């Protein structure tokens, strides 16, 4: 599906952004139907800025622990967590897979450009959302949140390895290693940007007092 979309065969496929909105809505509805809606929908829509404000109130400058806590909360939220890798992961994945080629309709083999890489990341986000819907009933079985999150991460990683293997025609090991590096550099970039934003906000807040 991803390969066909990038090659222009799009008539029978959702735009990845439309598909993401659809799957996010489906997740919220599914959470409501299984009785896990007390905080799920509110967290999907409203999380993000309150936690950062609370951190800034406590400290003028950001610490590593504070940023890691913020990133963990960010990833725990379905809306922000799935978009996290779509946006922050586009550039590192583009760099890591820059030597891999995808054959175009005219027969020319070219690497994915930034837009195509972003669409690929968005498709991965949609798969993650669908996986979340499938796993929702497990919330009723008493399985711990950490166990569910670990299971989700493993399955999502396997999907990512499969997609890049099929999309670019590379081996399993190569796809797995580059995905590991992609996840690592995505976190590094996100950590750096969040650090800069929080420190800048703290400095500005301090100057205004």
Protein backbone atom coordinates (compact mmCIF):
# COMPACT_ATOMS: atom_id res chain seq x y z
CA UNK A 1 0.00 0.00 0.00
CA UNK A 2 2.75 2.47 0.94
CA UNK A 3 4.72 1.71 -2.23
CA UNK A 4 1.67 2.14 -4.47
CA UNK A 5 0.71 5.43 -2.78
CA UNK A 6 4.19 6.91 -3.22
CA UNK A 7 4.22 5.83 -6.87
CA UNK A 8 1.01 7.72 -7.56
CA UNK A 9 -1.47 4.82 -7.49
CA UNK A 10 -3.74 6.57 -5.00
CA UNK A 11 -7.31 6.17 -6.24
CA UNK A 12 -8.17 3.31 -3.89
CA UNK A 13 -6.14 4.47 -0.88
CA UNK A 14 -6.77 6.94 1.88
CA UNK A 15 -4.55 9.98 2.09
CA UNK A 16 -2.35 9.13 5.14
CA UNK A 17 -3.48 12.23 7.04
CA UNK A 18 -7.16 11.43 6.41
CA UNK A 19 -6.51 7.82 7.38
CA UNK A 20 -4.85 8.96 10.61
CA UNK A 21 -7.82 11.13 11.58
CA UNK A 22 -10.17 8.24 10.78
CA UNK A 23 -8.21 5.72 12.84
CA UNK A 24 -7.85 8.19 15.73
CA UNK A 25 -11.64 8.69 15.73
CA UNK A 26 -12.16 4.93 15.54
CA UNK A 27 -9.87 4.49 18.55
CA UNK A 28 -11.83 7.05 20.59
CA UNK A 29 -15.13 5.38 19.67
CA UNK A 30 -13.74 1.92 20.50
CA UNK A 31 -12.48 3.21 23.86
CA UNK A 32 -15.94 4.56 24.59
CA UNK A 33 -17.66 1.29 23.62
CA UNK A 34 -15.50 -0.90 25.84
CA UNK A 35 -15.96 1.44 28.79
CA UNK A 36 -12.46 2.93 28.82
CA UNK A 37 -13.66 6.41 27.94
CA UNK A 38 -13.50 8.18 31.29
CA UNK A 39 -10.13 9.76 30.56
CA UNK A 40 -9.12 8.34 27.18
CA UNK A 41 -10.87 10.87 24.93
CA UNK A 42 -9.98 13.81 27.19
CA UNK A 43 -6.32 12.77 27.20
CA UNK A 44 -6.31 12.34 23.42
CA UNK A 45 -7.52 15.89 22.89
CA UNK A 46 -6.13 17.97 25.75
CA UNK A 47 -2.78 16.51 26.85
CA UNK A 48 0.48 18.31 26.22
CA UNK A 49 0.66 21.88 27.35
CA UNK A 50 -0.49 21.57 30.96
CA UNK A 51 2.34 19.20 31.88
CA UNK A 52 4.92 21.53 30.35
CA UNK A 53 3.50 24.54 32.19
CA UNK A 54 3.66 22.66 35.48
CA UNK A 55 7.30 21.76 34.86
CA UNK A 56 8.20 25.35 34.04
CA UNK A 57 6.52 26.54 37.22
CA UNK A 58 8.75 24.27 39.27
CA UNK A 59 12.04 25.07 37.61
CA UNK A 60 13.39 27.86 35.47
CA UNK A 61 15.70 25.49 33.64
CA UNK A 62 14.84 22.03 32.32
CA UNK A 63 16.57 18.94 33.66
CA UNK A 64 17.10 15.62 31.89
CA UNK A 65 14.61 13.93 34.22
CA UNK A 66 11.94 16.54 33.51
CA UNK A 67 12.37 16.25 29.76
CA UNK A 68 12.27 12.45 29.87
CA UNK A 69 9.08 12.63 31.95
CA UNK A 70 7.54 14.98 29.41
CA UNK A 71 8.57 12.73 26.51
CA UNK A 72 7.15 9.68 28.29
CA UNK A 73 3.83 11.47 28.81
CA UNK A 74 3.90 12.60 25.21
CA UNK A 75 4.37 9.06 23.90
CA UNK A 76 1.65 7.72 26.21
CA UNK A 77 -0.93 9.95 24.54
CA UNK A 78 -2.41 8.46 21.36
CA UNK A 79 -2.72 11.73 19.47
CA UNK A 80 0.68 13.21 20.31
CA UNK A 81 2.49 9.89 20.62
CA UNK A 82 1.73 8.67 17.11
CA UNK A 83 2.44 12.09 15.60
CA UNK A 84 5.71 12.19 17.56
CA UNK A 85 7.46 9.72 15.25
CA UNK A 86 5.75 11.02 12.12
CA UNK A 87 7.24 14.49 12.53
CA UNK A 88 10.44 13.93 14.50
CA UNK A 89 11.24 10.69 12.66
CA UNK A 90 10.97 12.02 9.11
CA UNK A 91 14.44 13.55 8.86
CA UNK A 92 16.53 10.83 10.61
CA UNK A 93 14.75 8.08 8.65
CA UNK A 94 15.30 10.05 5.44
CA UNK A 95 19.03 10.25 6.18
CA UNK A 96 19.33 6.59 7.22
CA UNK A 97 17.54 5.29 4.11
CA UNK A 98 18.99 7.85 1.67
CA UNK A 99 20.96 5.18 -0.21
CA UNK A 100 17.96 2.91 -0.68
CA UNK A 101 15.94 3.29 -3.88
CA UNK A 102 12.32 2.82 -4.89
CA UNK A 103 11.58 2.23 -8.58
CA UNK A 104 9.31 4.93 -10.07
CA UNK A 105 6.69 4.40 -12.80
CA UNK A 106 9.19 5.63 -15.42
CA UNK A 107 11.70 2.98 -14.33
CA UNK A 108 14.02 5.40 -12.54
CA UNK A 109 15.09 4.31 -9.04
CA UNK A 110 15.29 7.18 -6.56
CA UNK A 111 15.41 7.44 -2.74
CA UNK A 112 12.39 8.66 -0.81
CA UNK A 113 12.25 12.44 -0.56
CA UNK A 114 11.22 14.20 2.66
CA UNK A 115 7.53 14.36 1.70
CA UNK A 116 7.43 10.66 0.80
CA UNK A 117 9.25 9.80 4.01
CA UNK A 118 6.73 11.82 6.01
CA UNK A 119 3.84 9.98 4.31
CA UNK A 120 5.52 6.68 5.14
CA UNK A 121 5.85 7.73 8.79
CA UNK A 122 2.17 8.74 8.79
CA UNK A 123 1.16 5.32 7.45
CA UNK A 124 3.17 3.79 10.29
CA UNK A 125 1.28 6.05 12.72
CA UNK A 126 -2.00 4.75 11.26
CA UNK A 127 -0.85 1.16 11.75
CA UNK A 128 0.04 2.04 15.34
CA UNK A 129 -3.44 3.47 15.88
CA UNK A 130 -5.08 0.34 14.42
CA UNK A 131 -2.90 -1.78 16.69
CA UNK A 132 -4.08 0.30 19.65
CA UNK A 133 -7.71 -0.39 18.70
CA UNK A 134 -7.01 -4.13 18.49
CA UNK A 135 -5.32 -4.06 21.91
CA UNK A 136 -8.04 -2.07 23.68
CA UNK A 137 -9.97 -5.18 24.88
CA UNK A 138 -6.79 -6.30 26.67
CA UNK A 139 -7.26 -3.33 29.01
CA UNK A 140 -10.21 -5.21 30.52
CA UNK A 141 -8.14 -8.30 31.36
CA UNK A 142 -6.10 -6.72 34.15
CA UNK A 143 -2.81 -6.74 32.24
CA UNK A 144 -0.50 -4.00 33.50
CA UNK A 145 -0.03 -0.85 31.45
CA UNK A 146 3.72 -1.42 31.19
CA UNK A 147 3.15 -4.91 29.76
CA UNK A 148 0.69 -3.59 27.18
CA UNK A 149 3.03 -0.77 26.23
CA UNK A 150 5.94 -3.18 25.80
CA UNK A 151 3.83 -5.51 23.66
CA UNK A 152 2.66 -2.56 21.57
CA UNK A 153 6.23 -1.32 21.01
CA UNK A 154 7.43 -4.76 19.88
CA UNK A 155 4.58 -5.25 17.40
CA UNK A 156 4.87 -1.69 16.08
CA UNK A 157 8.62 -2.14 15.58
CA UNK A 158 8.09 -5.39 13.66
CA UNK A 159 5.55 -3.65 11.41
CA UNK A 160 8.05 -0.86 10.73
CA UNK A 161 10.78 -3.37 9.82
CA UNK A 162 8.42 -5.20 7.45
CA UNK A 163 7.26 -2.00 5.76
CA UNK A 164 10.74 -0.68 4.99
CA UNK A 165 11.89 -4.13 3.88
CA UNK A 166 9.04 -4.45 1.40
CA UNK A 167 9.04 -0.81 0.35
CA UNK A 168 12.74 -0.52 -0.43
CA UNK A 169 13.58 -4.16 -1.15
CA UNK A 170 16.24 -4.46 1.56
CA UNK A 171 17.05 -7.36 3.89
CA UNK A 172 15.47 -8.07 7.26
CA UNK A 173 18.63 -7.33 9.24
CA UNK A 174 19.34 -4.08 7.40
CA UNK A 175 15.78 -2.88 7.89
CA UNK A 176 15.83 -3.81 11.59
CA UNK A 177 19.17 -2.09 12.27
CA UNK A 178 18.17 1.10 10.45
CA UNK A 179 14.86 1.18 12.30
CA UNK A 180 16.68 0.87 15.63
CA UNK A 181 18.94 3.77 14.63
CA UNK A 182 15.93 5.71 13.35
CA UNK A 183 14.14 5.38 16.68
CA UNK A 184 17.30 6.36 18.56
CA UNK A 185 17.95 9.49 16.50
CA UNK A 186 14.26 10.42 16.59
CA UNK A 187 14.45 10.49 20.38
CA UNK A 188 17.70 12.48 20.28
CA UNK A 189 16.17 15.12 17.98
CA UNK A 190 12.96 15.29 20.01
CA UNK A 191 14.91 15.52 23.28
CA UNK A 192 17.06 18.33 21.90
CA UNK A 193 14.11 20.33 20.57
CA UNK A 194 12.08 19.94 23.76
CA UNK A 195 15.15 20.94 25.81
CA UNK A 196 15.66 24.09 23.73
CA UNK A 197 11.98 25.05 23.95
CA UNK A 198 11.77 24.49 27.71
CA UNK A 199 15.03 26.29 28.51
CA UNK A 200 14.09 29.21 26.24
CA UNK A 201 10.65 29.43 27.85
CA UNK A 202 12.23 29.29 31.30
CA UNK A 203 14.72 32.05 30.46
CA UNK A 204 12.01 34.27 28.98
CA UNK A 205 9.80 33.66 32.01
CA UNK A 206 12.71 34.55 34.31
CA UNK A 207 13.46 37.77 32.42
CA UNK A 208 9.82 38.83 32.61
CA UNK A 209 9.70 38.51 36.41
